[in-house]
Amino acid sequence: MPIWFAYTLIVLLVITSILLTMLILLHRGKGGGLSSMFGGGVSSSLAGSSVAEKNLDRYTVLVGIVWFACIVGLGLWLRLQTASGTV
């Protein structure tokens, strides 16, 4: 495989890593952890989750899947390059 494939995956990996970190930090704390230590425990508990929270969950899962695919793709690319002796 060409080297541009690896560079594309690396750029995509960096972008999805930053985006995944931001999306995870946007989630509301469920209580008890570090989020409650910094004031997240004072929020009122609502019976159901809003549409925005459900969409945030979907986006987080989607970005996580893309991130995981980049990791697997880079691993396979590296294995192919090592097997052919070009690395």
PDB file of N, CA and C in Angstrom:
ATOM      1  N   MET A   1       0.835  -1.182   0.000  1.00  0.00           N
ATOM      2  CA  MET A   1       0.000   0.000   0.000  1.00  0.00           C
ATOM      3  C   MET A   1       0.881   1.246   0.000  1.00  0.00           C
ATOM      4  N   PRO A   2       0.417   2.300  -0.619  1.00  0.00           N
ATOM      5  CA  PRO A   2       1.226   3.530  -0.684  1.00  0.00           C
ATOM      6  C   PRO A   2       1.320   4.234   0.661  1.00  0.00           C
ATOM      7  N   ILE A   3       2.326   5.076   0.780  1.00  0.00           N
ATOM      8  CA  ILE A   3       2.587   5.782   2.033  1.00  0.00           C
ATOM      9  C   ILE A   3       1.498   6.818   2.331  1.00  0.00           C
ATOM     10  N   TRP A   4       0.849   7.369   1.296  1.00  0.00           N
ATOM     11  CA  TRP A   4      -0.192   8.359   1.537  1.00  0.00           C
ATOM     12  C   TRP A   4      -1.359   7.765   2.307  1.00  0.00           C
ATOM     13  N   PHE A   5      -1.558   6.451   2.191  1.00  0.00           N
ATOM     14  CA  PHE A   5      -2.612   5.777   2.934  1.00  0.00           C
ATOM     15  C   PHE A   5      -2.353   5.870   4.435  1.00  0.00           C
ATOM     16  N   ALA A   6      -1.098   5.653   4.816  1.00  0.00           N
ATOM     17  CA  ALA A   6      -0.732   5.737   6.231  1.00  0.00           C
ATOM     18  C   ALA A   6      -0.857   7.170   6.739  1.00  0.00           C
ATOM     19  N   TYR A   7      -0.424   8.130   5.946  1.00  0.00           N
ATOM     20  CA  TYR A   7      -0.526   9.530   6.359  1.00  0.00           C
ATOM     21  C   TYR A   7      -1.991   9.959   6.512  1.00  0.00           C
ATOM     22  N   THR A   8      -2.837   9.500   5.623  1.00  0.00           N
ATOM     23  CA  THR A   8      -4.258   9.802   5.718  1.00  0.00           C
ATOM     24  C   THR A   8      -4.851   9.219   6.995  1.00  0.00           C
ATOM     25  N   LEU A   9      -4.488   7.974   7.295  1.00  0.00           N
ATOM     26  CA  LEU A   9      -4.987   7.354   8.519  1.00  0.00           C
ATOM     27  C   LEU A   9      -4.463   8.055   9.769  1.00  0.00           C
ATOM     28  N   ILE A  10      -3.224   8.506   9.733  1.00  0.00           N
ATOM     29  CA  ILE A  10      -2.657   9.203  10.897  1.00  0.00           C
ATOM     30  C   ILE A  10      -3.367  10.538  11.126  1.00  0.00           C
ATOM     31  N   VAL A  11      -3.614  11.279  10.057  1.00  0.00           N
ATOM     32  CA  VAL A  11      -4.324  12.556  10.188  1.00  0.00           C
ATOM     33  C   VAL A  11      -5.743  12.310  10.702  1.00  0.00           C
ATOM     34  N   LEU A  12      -6.414  11.297  10.146  1.00  0.00           N
ATOM     35  CA  LEU A  12      -7.757  10.960  10.596  1.00  0.00           C
ATOM     36  C   LEU A  12      -7.758  10.503  12.051  1.00  0.00           C
ATOM     37  N   LEU A  13      -6.718   9.792  12.453  1.00  0.00           N
ATOM     38  CA  LEU A  13      -6.596   9.327  13.833  1.00  0.00           C
ATOM     39  C   LEU A  13      -6.428  10.499  14.799  1.00  0.00           C
ATOM     40  N   VAL A  14      -5.617  11.469  14.432  1.00  0.00           N
ATOM     41  CA  VAL A  14      -5.416  12.641  15.293  1.00  0.00           C
ATOM     42  C   VAL A  14      -6.710  13.445  15.419  1.00  0.00           C
ATOM     43  N   ILE A  15      -7.399  13.645  14.294  1.00  0.00           N
ATOM     44  CA  ILE A  15      -8.648  14.410  14.315  1.00  0.00           C
ATOM     45  C   ILE A  15      -9.701  13.695  15.154  1.00  0.00           C
ATOM     46  N   THR A  16      -9.853  12.387  14.957  1.00  0.00           N
ATOM     47  CA  THR A  16     -10.862  11.658  15.721  1.00  0.00           C
ATOM     48  C   THR A  16     -10.480  11.551  17.198  1.00  0.00           C
ATOM     49  N   SER A  17      -9.201  11.512  17.517  1.00  0.00           N
ATOM     50  CA  SER A  17      -8.785  11.476  18.921  1.00  0.00           C
ATOM     51  C   SER A  17      -9.175  12.756  19.639  1.00  0.00           C
ATOM     52  N   ILE A  18      -8.929  13.890  18.996  1.00  0.00           N
ATOM     53  CA  ILE A  18      -9.297  15.176  19.594  1.00  0.00           C
ATOM     54  C   ILE A  18     -10.813  15.289  19.707  1.00  0.00           C
ATOM     55  N   LEU A  19     -11.517  14.898  18.647  1.00  0.00           N
ATOM     56  CA  LEU A  19     -12.971  14.978  18.650  1.00  0.00           C
ATOM     57  C   LEU A  19     -13.586  14.039  19.684  1.00  0.00           C
ATOM     58  N   LEU A  20     -13.021  12.851  19.820  1.00  0.00           N
ATOM     59  CA  LEU A  20     -13.531  11.892  20.796  1.00  0.00           C
ATOM     60  C   LEU A  20     -13.324  12.393  22.220  1.00  0.00           C
ATOM     61  N   THR A  21     -12.192  13.013  22.475  1.00  0.00           N
ATOM     62  CA  THR A  21     -11.932  13.587  23.793  1.00  0.00           C
ATOM     63  C   THR A  21     -12.936  14.690  24.102  1.00  0.00           C
ATOM     64  N   MET A  22     -13.200  15.558  23.141  1.00  0.00           N
ATOM     65  CA  MET A  22     -14.155  16.649  23.343  1.00  0.00           C
ATOM     66  C   MET A  22     -15.565  16.108  23.561  1.00  0.00           C
ATOM     67  N   LEU A  23     -15.962  15.110  22.784  1.00  0.00           N
ATOM     68  CA  LEU A  23     -17.301  14.549  22.932  1.00  0.00           C
ATOM     69  C   LEU A  23     -17.478  13.862  24.284  1.00  0.00           C
ATOM     70  N   ILE A  24     -16.458  13.155  24.750  1.00  0.00           N
ATOM     71  CA  ILE A  24     -16.548  12.487  26.045  1.00  0.00           C
ATOM     72  C   ILE A  24     -16.634  13.517  27.162  1.00  0.00           C
ATOM     73  N   LEU A  25     -15.896  14.596  27.048  1.00  0.00           N
ATOM     74  CA  LEU A  25     -15.956  15.627  28.078  1.00  0.00           C
ATOM     75  C   LEU A  25     -17.297  16.363  28.090  1.00  0.00           C
ATOM     76  N   LEU A  26     -18.029  16.356  26.992  1.00  0.00           N
ATOM     77  CA  LEU A  26     -19.332  17.007  26.943  1.00  0.00           C
ATOM     78  C   LEU A  26     -20.428  16.199  27.637  1.00  0.00           C
ATOM     79  N   HIS A  27     -20.190  14.912  27.865  1.00  0.00           N
ATOM     80  CA  HIS A  27     -21.205  14.079  28.502  1.00  0.00           C
ATOM     81  C   HIS A  27     -21.469  14.529  29.936  1.00  0.00           C
ATOM     82  N   ARG A  28     -22.684  14.356  30.343  1.00  0.00           N
ATOM     83  CA  ARG A  28     -23.080  14.677  31.708  1.00  0.00           C
ATOM     84  C   ARG A  28     -22.615  13.550  32.621  1.00  0.00           C
ATOM     85  N   GLY A  29     -22.072  13.924  33.757  1.00  0.00           N
ATOM     86  CA  GLY A  29     -21.610  12.931  34.712  1.00  0.00           C
ATOM     87  C   GLY A  29     -22.762  12.174  35.336  1.00  0.00           C
ATOM     88  N   LYS A  30     -22.589  10.888  35.559  1.00  0.00           N
ATOM     89  CA  LYS A  30     -23.632  10.085  36.171  1.00  0.00           C
ATOM     90  C   LYS A  30     -23.503  10.080  37.692  1.00  0.00           C
ATOM     91  N   GLY A  31     -22.548  10.812  38.230  1.00  0.00           N
ATOM     92  CA  GLY A  31     -22.392  10.935  39.670  1.00  0.00           C
ATOM     93  C   GLY A  31     -21.315  10.025  40.213  1.00  0.00           C
ATOM     94  N   GLY A  32     -20.695  10.468  41.299  1.00  0.00           N
ATOM     95  CA  GLY A  32     -19.762   9.616  42.000  1.00  0.00           C
ATOM     96  C   GLY A  32     -18.313   9.747  41.591  1.00  0.00           C
ATOM     97  N   GLY A  33     -18.017  10.138  40.405  1.00  0.00           N
ATOM     98  CA  GLY A  33     -16.634  10.153  39.951  1.00  0.00           C
ATOM     99  C   GLY A  33     -15.998  11.518  40.054  1.00  0.00           C
ATOM    100  N   LEU A  34     -15.079  11.778  39.167  1.00  0.00           N
ATOM    101  CA  LEU A  34     -14.395  13.066  39.149  1.00  0.00           C
ATOM    102  C   LEU A  34     -15.336  14.201  38.772  1.00  0.00           C
ATOM    103  N   SER A  35     -16.384  13.883  38.020  1.00  0.00           N
ATOM    104  CA  SER A  35     -17.301  14.948  37.613  1.00  0.00           C
ATOM    105  C   SER A  35     -18.023  15.539  38.816  1.00  0.00           C
ATOM    106  N   SER A  36     -18.351  14.731  39.804  1.00  0.00           N
ATOM    107  CA  SER A  36     -19.025  15.268  40.985  1.00  0.00           C
ATOM    108  C   SER A  36     -18.053  16.040  41.875  1.00  0.00           C
ATOM    109  N   MET A  37     -16.779  15.723  41.789  1.00  0.00           N
ATOM    110  CA  MET A  37     -15.779  16.434  42.575  1.00  0.00           C
ATOM    111  C   MET A  37     -15.676  17.895  42.142  1.00  0.00           C
ATOM    112  N   PHE A  38     -15.875  18.150  40.851  1.00  0.00           N
ATOM    113  CA  PHE A  38     -15.740  19.499  40.314  1.00  0.00           C
ATOM    114  C   PHE A  38     -17.086  20.182  40.112  1.00  0.00           C
ATOM    115  N   GLY A  39     -18.105  19.783  40.838  1.00  0.00           N
ATOM    116  CA  GLY A  39     -19.381  20.472  40.780  1.00  0.00           C
ATOM    117  C   GLY A  39     -20.420  19.809  39.914  1.00  0.00           C
ATOM    118  N   GLY A  40     -20.137  18.665  39.351  1.00  0.00           N
ATOM    119  CA  GLY A  40     -21.123  17.987  38.516  1.00  0.00           C
ATOM    120  C   GLY A  40     -22.203  17.305  39.324  1.00  0.00           C
ATOM    121  N   GLY A  41     -21.994  17.105  40.609  1.00  0.00           N
ATOM    122  CA  GLY A  41     -22.963  16.411  41.431  1.00  0.00           C
ATOM    123  C   GLY A  41     -24.141  17.260  41.856  1.00  0.00           C
ATOM    124  N   VAL A  42     -24.092  18.568  41.648  1.00  0.00           N
ATOM    125  CA  VAL A  42     -25.167  19.449  42.067  1.00  0.00           C
ATOM    126  C   VAL A  42     -26.266  19.565  41.034  1.00  0.00           C
ATOM    127  N   SER A  43     -26.114  18.952  39.894  1.00  0.00           N
ATOM    128  CA  SER A  43     -27.123  19.078  38.846  1.00  0.00           C
ATOM    129  C   SER A  43     -28.376  18.294  39.225  1.00  0.00           C
ATOM    130  N   SER A  44     -29.505  18.783  38.774  1.00  0.00           N
ATOM    131  CA  SER A  44     -30.757  18.097  39.082  1.00  0.00           C
ATOM    132  C   SER A  44     -30.910  16.888  38.177  1.00  0.00           C
ATOM    133  N   SER A  45     -31.474  15.842  38.728  1.00  0.00           N
ATOM    134  CA  SER A  45     -31.644  14.621  37.935  1.00  0.00           C
ATOM    135  C   SER A  45     -33.005  14.659  37.255  1.00  0.00           C
ATOM    136  N   LEU A  46     -33.030  14.458  35.973  1.00  0.00           N
ATOM    137  CA  LEU A  46     -34.260  14.438  35.201  1.00  0.00           C
ATOM    138  C   LEU A  46     -34.635  12.988  34.927  1.00  0.00           C
ATOM    139  N   ALA A  47     -35.909  12.746  34.683  1.00  0.00           N
ATOM    140  CA  ALA A  47     -36.387  11.376  34.508  1.00  0.00           C
ATOM    141  C   ALA A  47     -35.826  10.745  33.237  1.00  0.00           C
ATOM    142  N   GLY A  48     -35.794  11.481  32.140  1.00  0.00           N
ATOM    143  CA  GLY A  48     -35.325  10.922  30.881  1.00  0.00           C
ATOM    144  C   GLY A  48     -34.212  11.754  30.295  1.00  0.00           C
ATOM    145  N   SER A  49     -33.557  11.194  29.319  1.00  0.00           N
ATOM    146  CA  SER A  49     -32.491  11.947  28.666  1.00  0.00           C
ATOM    147  C   SER A  49     -33.064  12.715  27.478  1.00  0.00           C
ATOM    148  N   SER A  50     -32.469  13.828  27.187  1.00  0.00           N
ATOM    149  CA  SER A  50     -32.973  14.676  26.111  1.00  0.00           C
ATOM    150  C   SER A  50     -32.467  14.174  24.763  1.00  0.00           C
ATOM    151  N   VAL A  51     -33.004  14.775  23.729  1.00  0.00           N
ATOM    152  CA  VAL A  51     -32.606  14.415  22.368  1.00  0.00           C
ATOM    153  C   VAL A  51     -31.145  14.778  22.136  1.00  0.00           C
ATOM    154  N   ALA A  52     -30.710  15.886  22.730  1.00  0.00           N
ATOM    155  CA  ALA A  52     -29.317  16.314  22.559  1.00  0.00           C
ATOM    156  C   ALA A  52     -28.361  15.296  23.169  1.00  0.00           C
ATOM    157  N   GLU A  53     -28.718  14.729  24.315  1.00  0.00           N
ATOM    158  CA  GLU A  53     -27.852  13.722  24.936  1.00  0.00           C
ATOM    159  C   GLU A  53     -27.814  12.442  24.114  1.00  0.00           C
ATOM    160  N   LYS A  54     -28.948  12.057  23.550  1.00  0.00           N
ATOM    161  CA  LYS A  54     -28.986  10.852  22.707  1.00  0.00           C
ATOM    162  C   LYS A  54     -28.136  11.056  21.455  1.00  0.00           C
ATOM    163  N   ASN A  55     -28.234  12.248  20.854  1.00  0.00           N
ATOM    164  CA  ASN A  55     -27.411  12.534  19.677  1.00  0.00           C
ATOM    165  C   ASN A  55     -25.932  12.578  20.048  1.00  0.00           C
ATOM    166  N   LEU A  56     -25.618  13.126  21.218  1.00  0.00           N
ATOM    167  CA  LEU A  56     -24.228  13.153  21.673  1.00  0.00           C
ATOM    168  C   LEU A  56     -23.696  11.734  21.849  1.00  0.00           C
ATOM    169  N   ASP A  57     -24.526  10.849  22.370  1.00  0.00           N
ATOM    170  CA  ASP A  57     -24.131   9.442  22.502  1.00  0.00           C
ATOM    171  C   ASP A  57     -23.871   8.810  21.140  1.00  0.00           C
ATOM    172  N   ARG A  58     -24.749   9.095  20.192  1.00  0.00           N
ATOM    173  CA  ARG A  58     -24.585   8.530  18.842  1.00  0.00           C
ATOM    174  C   ARG A  58     -23.310   9.042  18.178  1.00  0.00           C
ATOM    175  N   TYR A  59     -23.057  10.339  18.304  1.00  0.00           N
ATOM    176  CA  TYR A  59     -21.851  10.908  17.706  1.00  0.00           C
ATOM    177  C   TYR A  59     -20.594  10.340  18.361  1.00  0.00           C
ATOM    178  N   THR A  60     -20.648  10.145  19.674  1.00  0.00           N
ATOM    179  CA  THR A  60     -19.494   9.599  20.373  1.00  0.00           C
ATOM    180  C   THR A  60     -19.209   8.175  19.910  1.00  0.00           C
ATOM    181  N   VAL A  61     -20.246   7.370  19.766  1.00  0.00           N
ATOM    182  CA  VAL A  61     -20.062   5.995  19.296  1.00  0.00           C
ATOM    183  C   VAL A  61     -19.541   5.991  17.861  1.00  0.00           C
ATOM    184  N   LEU A  62     -20.086   6.844  17.012  1.00  0.00           N
ATOM    185  CA  LEU A  62     -19.646   6.904  15.614  1.00  0.00           C
ATOM    186  C   LEU A  62     -18.175   7.303  15.508  1.00  0.00           C
ATOM    187  N   VAL A  63     -17.774   8.334  16.234  1.00  0.00           N
ATOM    188  CA  VAL A  63     -16.381   8.774  16.198  1.00  0.00           C
ATOM    189  C   VAL A  63     -15.477   7.696  16.803  1.00  0.00           C
ATOM    190  N   GLY A  64     -15.961   7.000  17.822  1.00  0.00           N
ATOM    191  CA  GLY A  64     -15.192   5.906  18.405  1.00  0.00           C
ATOM    192  C   GLY A  64     -14.970   4.767  17.428  1.00  0.00           C
ATOM    193  N   ILE A  65     -15.967   4.462  16.625  1.00  0.00           N
ATOM    194  CA  ILE A  65     -15.829   3.405  15.616  1.00  0.00           C
ATOM    195  C   ILE A  65     -14.824   3.820  14.545  1.00  0.00           C
ATOM    196  N   VAL A  66     -14.885   5.083  14.107  1.00  0.00           N
ATOM    197  CA  VAL A  66     -13.919   5.579  13.114  1.00  0.00           C
ATOM    198  C   VAL A  66     -12.508   5.555  13.695  1.00  0.00           C
ATOM    199  N   TRP A  67     -12.375   5.959  14.970  1.00  0.00           N
ATOM    200  CA  TRP A  67     -11.073   5.934  15.647  1.00  0.00           C
ATOM    201  C   TRP A  67     -10.520   4.510  15.696  1.00  0.00           C
ATOM    202  N   PHE A  68     -11.357   3.553  16.071  1.00  0.00           N
ATOM    203  CA  PHE A  68     -10.938   2.154  16.145  1.00  0.00           C
ATOM    204  C   PHE A  68     -10.556   1.621  14.765  1.00  0.00           C
ATOM    205  N   ALA A  69     -11.305   1.999  13.736  1.00  0.00           N
ATOM    206  CA  ALA A  69     -10.984   1.560  12.376  1.00  0.00           C
ATOM    207  C   ALA A  69      -9.631   2.121  11.926  1.00  0.00           C
ATOM    208  N   CYS A  70      -9.307   3.343  12.325  1.00  0.00           N
ATOM    209  CA  CYS A  70      -8.000   3.921  11.996  1.00  0.00           C
ATOM    210  C   CYS A  70      -6.874   3.140  12.667  1.00  0.00           C
ATOM    211  N   ILE A  71      -7.076   2.760  13.925  1.00  0.00           N
ATOM    212  CA  ILE A  71      -6.067   1.984  14.641  1.00  0.00           C
ATOM    213  C   ILE A  71      -5.839   0.642  13.946  1.00  0.00           C
ATOM    214  N   VAL A  72      -6.935  -0.038  13.608  1.00  0.00           N
ATOM    215  CA  VAL A  72      -6.815  -1.340  12.942  1.00  0.00           C
ATOM    216  C   VAL A  72      -6.176  -1.177  11.564  1.00  0.00           C
ATOM    217  N   GLY A  73      -6.590  -0.141  10.817  1.00  0.00           N
ATOM    218  CA  GLY A  73      -6.017   0.096   9.491  1.00  0.00           C
ATOM    219  C   GLY A  73      -4.521   0.366   9.551  1.00  0.00           C
ATOM    220  N   LEU A  74      -4.086   1.162  10.525  1.00  0.00           N
ATOM    221  CA  LEU A  74      -2.648   1.429  10.669  1.00  0.00           C
ATOM    222  C   LEU A  74      -1.886   0.168  11.052  1.00  0.00           C
ATOM    223  N   GLY A  75      -2.489  -0.646  11.898  1.00  0.00           N
ATOM    224  CA  GLY A  75      -1.843  -1.901  12.278  1.00  0.00           C
ATOM    225  C   GLY A  75      -1.693  -2.845  11.100  1.00  0.00           C
ATOM    226  N   LEU A  76      -2.736  -2.953  10.295  1.00  0.00           N
ATOM    227  CA  LEU A  76      -2.660  -3.811   9.106  1.00  0.00           C
ATOM    228  C   LEU A  76      -1.664  -3.264   8.092  1.00  0.00           C
ATOM    229  N   TRP A  77      -1.656  -1.932   7.909  1.00  0.00           N
ATOM    230  CA  TRP A  77      -0.704  -1.329   6.978  1.00  0.00           C
ATOM    231  C   TRP A  77       0.728  -1.592   7.425  1.00  0.00           C
ATOM    232  N   LEU A  78       0.976  -1.444   8.721  1.00  0.00           N
ATOM    233  CA  LEU A  78       2.317  -1.685   9.237  1.00  0.00           C
ATOM    234  C   LEU A  78       2.729  -3.140   9.084  1.00  0.00           C
ATOM    235  N   ARG A  79       1.788  -4.047   9.307  1.00  0.00           N
ATOM    236  CA  ARG A  79       2.094  -5.480   9.140  1.00  0.00           C
ATOM    237  C   ARG A  79       2.420  -5.798   7.687  1.00  0.00           C
ATOM    238  N   LEU A  80       1.659  -5.222   6.744  1.00  0.00           N
ATOM    239  CA  LEU A  80       1.929  -5.457   5.320  1.00  0.00           C
ATOM    240  C   LEU A  80       3.288  -4.868   4.912  1.00  0.00           C
ATOM    241  N   GLN A  81       3.607  -3.691   5.429  1.00  0.00           N
ATOM    242  CA  GLN A  81       4.880  -3.065   5.092  1.00  0.00           C
ATOM    243  C   GLN A  81       6.054  -3.831   5.698  1.00  0.00           C
ATOM    244  N   THR A  82       5.877  -4.343   6.906  1.00  0.00           N
ATOM    245  CA  THR A  82       6.932  -5.120   7.551  1.00  0.00           C
ATOM    246  C   THR A  82       7.150  -6.439   6.827  1.00  0.00           C
ATOM    247  N   ALA A  83       6.040  -7.064   6.378  1.00  0.00           N
ATOM    248  CA  ALA A  83       6.148  -8.339   5.679  1.00  0.00           C
ATOM    249  C   ALA A  83       6.834  -8.174   4.324  1.00  0.00           C
ATOM    250  N   SER A  84       6.608  -7.029   3.683  1.00  0.00           N
ATOM    251  CA  SER A  84       7.250  -6.820   2.381  1.00  0.00           C
ATOM    252  C   SER A  84       8.654  -6.258   2.506  1.00  0.00           C
ATOM    253  N   GLY A  85       9.018  -5.852   3.714  1.00  0.00           N
ATOM    254  CA  GLY A  85      10.377  -5.377   3.949  1.00  0.00           C
ATOM    255  C   GLY A  85      10.639  -3.955   3.537  1.00  0.00           C
ATOM    256  N   THR A  86       9.604  -3.141   3.398  1.00  0.00           N
ATOM    257  CA  THR A  86       9.806  -1.768   2.964  1.00  0.00           C
ATOM    258  C   THR A  86       9.871  -0.779   4.123  1.00  0.00           C
ATOM    259  N   VAL A  87       9.650  -1.230   5.339  1.00  0.00           N
ATOM    260  CA  VAL A  87       9.729  -0.303   6.484  1.00  0.00           C
ATOM    261  C   VAL A  87      11.089  -0.383   7.124  1.00  0.00           C
TER     262      VAL A  87
END
